[in-house]
Amino acid sequence: MKILAVCGNGLGTSFILSMNVNKALKVLNIDGECKNMDLASAKTEVADYYIGTPEIMEQLQDGNKKTISIINMVSADEIQKELTSHILGEK
């Protein structure tokens, strides 16, 4: 499973979020990898899920992309809760 952590520049915020998402994937025993990317590149990149702030996720909405909004990028509880709801909830 490919997950993209997205922020405006694809450097700081998305990098921290991708590290925390990868930790959460291991805890939840979900086979996948999260990489970080900037918003402009993410619009054309194919992934199973896109994760980031609600403002960034609104800009990625095209009717086909599966997005996950996160308020607190460093909250392991929030990230695990959202991954469980979106990914494990589909199974």
Protein backbone atom coordinates (compact mmCIF):
# COMPACT_ATOMS: atom_id res chain seq x y z
CA MET A 1 0.00 0.00 0.00
CA LYS A 2 1.36 3.39 -0.98
CA ILE A 3 0.54 6.40 1.19
CA LEU A 4 1.71 9.94 0.47
CA ALA A 5 2.12 12.47 3.26
CA VAL A 6 1.53 15.83 1.60
CA CYS A 7 2.29 19.43 2.56
CA GLY A 8 2.85 22.66 0.65
CA ASN A 9 6.58 22.22 0.05
CA GLY A 10 7.00 18.49 0.69
CA LEU A 11 9.81 18.98 3.16
CA GLY A 12 9.18 19.61 6.86
CA THR A 13 5.59 18.89 7.77
CA SER A 14 5.09 16.02 5.35
CA PHE A 15 8.44 14.48 6.35
CA ILE A 16 7.49 14.43 10.04
CA LEU A 17 4.03 13.13 9.18
CA SER A 18 5.44 10.35 6.97
CA MET A 19 7.71 9.16 9.79
CA ASN A 20 4.77 9.07 12.20
CA VAL A 21 2.53 7.32 9.66
CA ASN A 22 5.20 4.66 9.07
CA LYS A 23 5.39 4.07 12.84
CA ALA A 24 1.60 3.79 13.01
CA LEU A 25 1.53 1.34 10.08
CA LYS A 26 3.89 -0.96 11.99
CA VAL A 27 1.84 -0.69 15.19
CA LEU A 28 -1.36 -1.48 13.28
CA ASN A 29 0.34 -4.28 11.31
CA ILE A 30 -0.62 -2.70 7.98
CA ASP A 31 1.63 -3.59 5.04
CA GLY A 32 2.50 -0.28 3.46
CA GLU A 33 4.90 2.61 3.19
CA CYS A 34 4.42 6.34 3.53
CA LYS A 35 6.55 8.85 1.64
CA ASN A 36 6.45 12.65 1.75
CA MET A 37 5.68 14.90 -1.21
CA ASP A 38 4.73 18.47 -2.08
CA LEU A 39 1.16 19.36 -3.05
CA ALA A 40 1.84 20.10 -6.73
CA SER A 41 3.60 16.75 -7.29
CA ALA A 42 1.00 14.83 -5.26
CA LYS A 43 -1.76 16.00 -7.61
CA THR A 44 -0.32 13.81 -10.38
CA GLU A 45 1.19 11.01 -8.26
CA VAL A 46 -0.81 7.82 -7.87
CA ALA A 47 -1.17 6.44 -4.35
CA ASP A 48 -3.65 4.40 -2.36
CA TYR A 49 -4.09 7.18 0.22
CA TYR A 50 -3.05 10.79 0.67
CA ILE A 51 -2.63 12.15 4.19
CA GLY A 52 -2.13 15.72 5.44
CA THR A 53 -3.85 18.74 6.94
CA PRO A 54 -7.52 19.31 6.08
CA GLU A 55 -6.58 22.37 3.98
CA ILE A 56 -4.12 20.40 1.86
CA MET A 57 -6.49 17.43 1.54
CA GLU A 58 -9.25 19.76 0.25
CA GLN A 59 -6.92 20.83 -2.55
CA LEU A 60 -6.27 17.18 -3.51
CA GLN A 61 -9.94 16.23 -3.69
CA ASP A 62 -10.81 15.27 -7.24
CA GLY A 63 -13.47 12.68 -6.57
CA ASN A 64 -11.05 9.78 -7.03
CA LYS A 65 -8.31 10.27 -4.44
CA LYS A 66 -8.72 8.75 -0.98
CA THR A 67 -7.64 11.40 1.50
CA ILE A 68 -7.06 11.30 5.25
CA SER A 69 -7.07 14.59 7.15
CA ILE A 70 -4.88 14.93 10.23
CA ILE A 71 -5.05 17.91 12.60
CA ASN A 72 -2.07 17.09 14.85
CA MET A 73 0.87 15.72 12.83
CA VAL A 74 2.69 14.45 15.92
CA SER A 75 -0.25 12.74 17.60
CA ALA A 76 0.29 8.98 17.33
CA ASP A 77 -3.21 8.41 18.69
CA GLU A 78 -4.88 10.57 16.03
CA ILE A 79 -2.84 9.06 13.20
CA GLN A 80 -3.56 5.50 14.32
CA LYS A 81 -7.26 6.29 14.76
CA GLU A 82 -7.55 7.77 11.26
CA LEU A 83 -5.56 4.97 9.61
CA THR A 84 -7.72 2.39 11.37
CA SER A 85 -10.90 4.15 10.31
CA HIS A 86 -9.92 4.68 6.67
CA ILE A 87 -7.77 1.66 5.85
CA LEU A 88 -8.86 -1.12 8.17
CA GLY A 89 -12.46 0.07 8.00
CA GLU A 90 -12.53 -0.74 4.28
CA LYS A 91 -11.52 -4.37 4.75
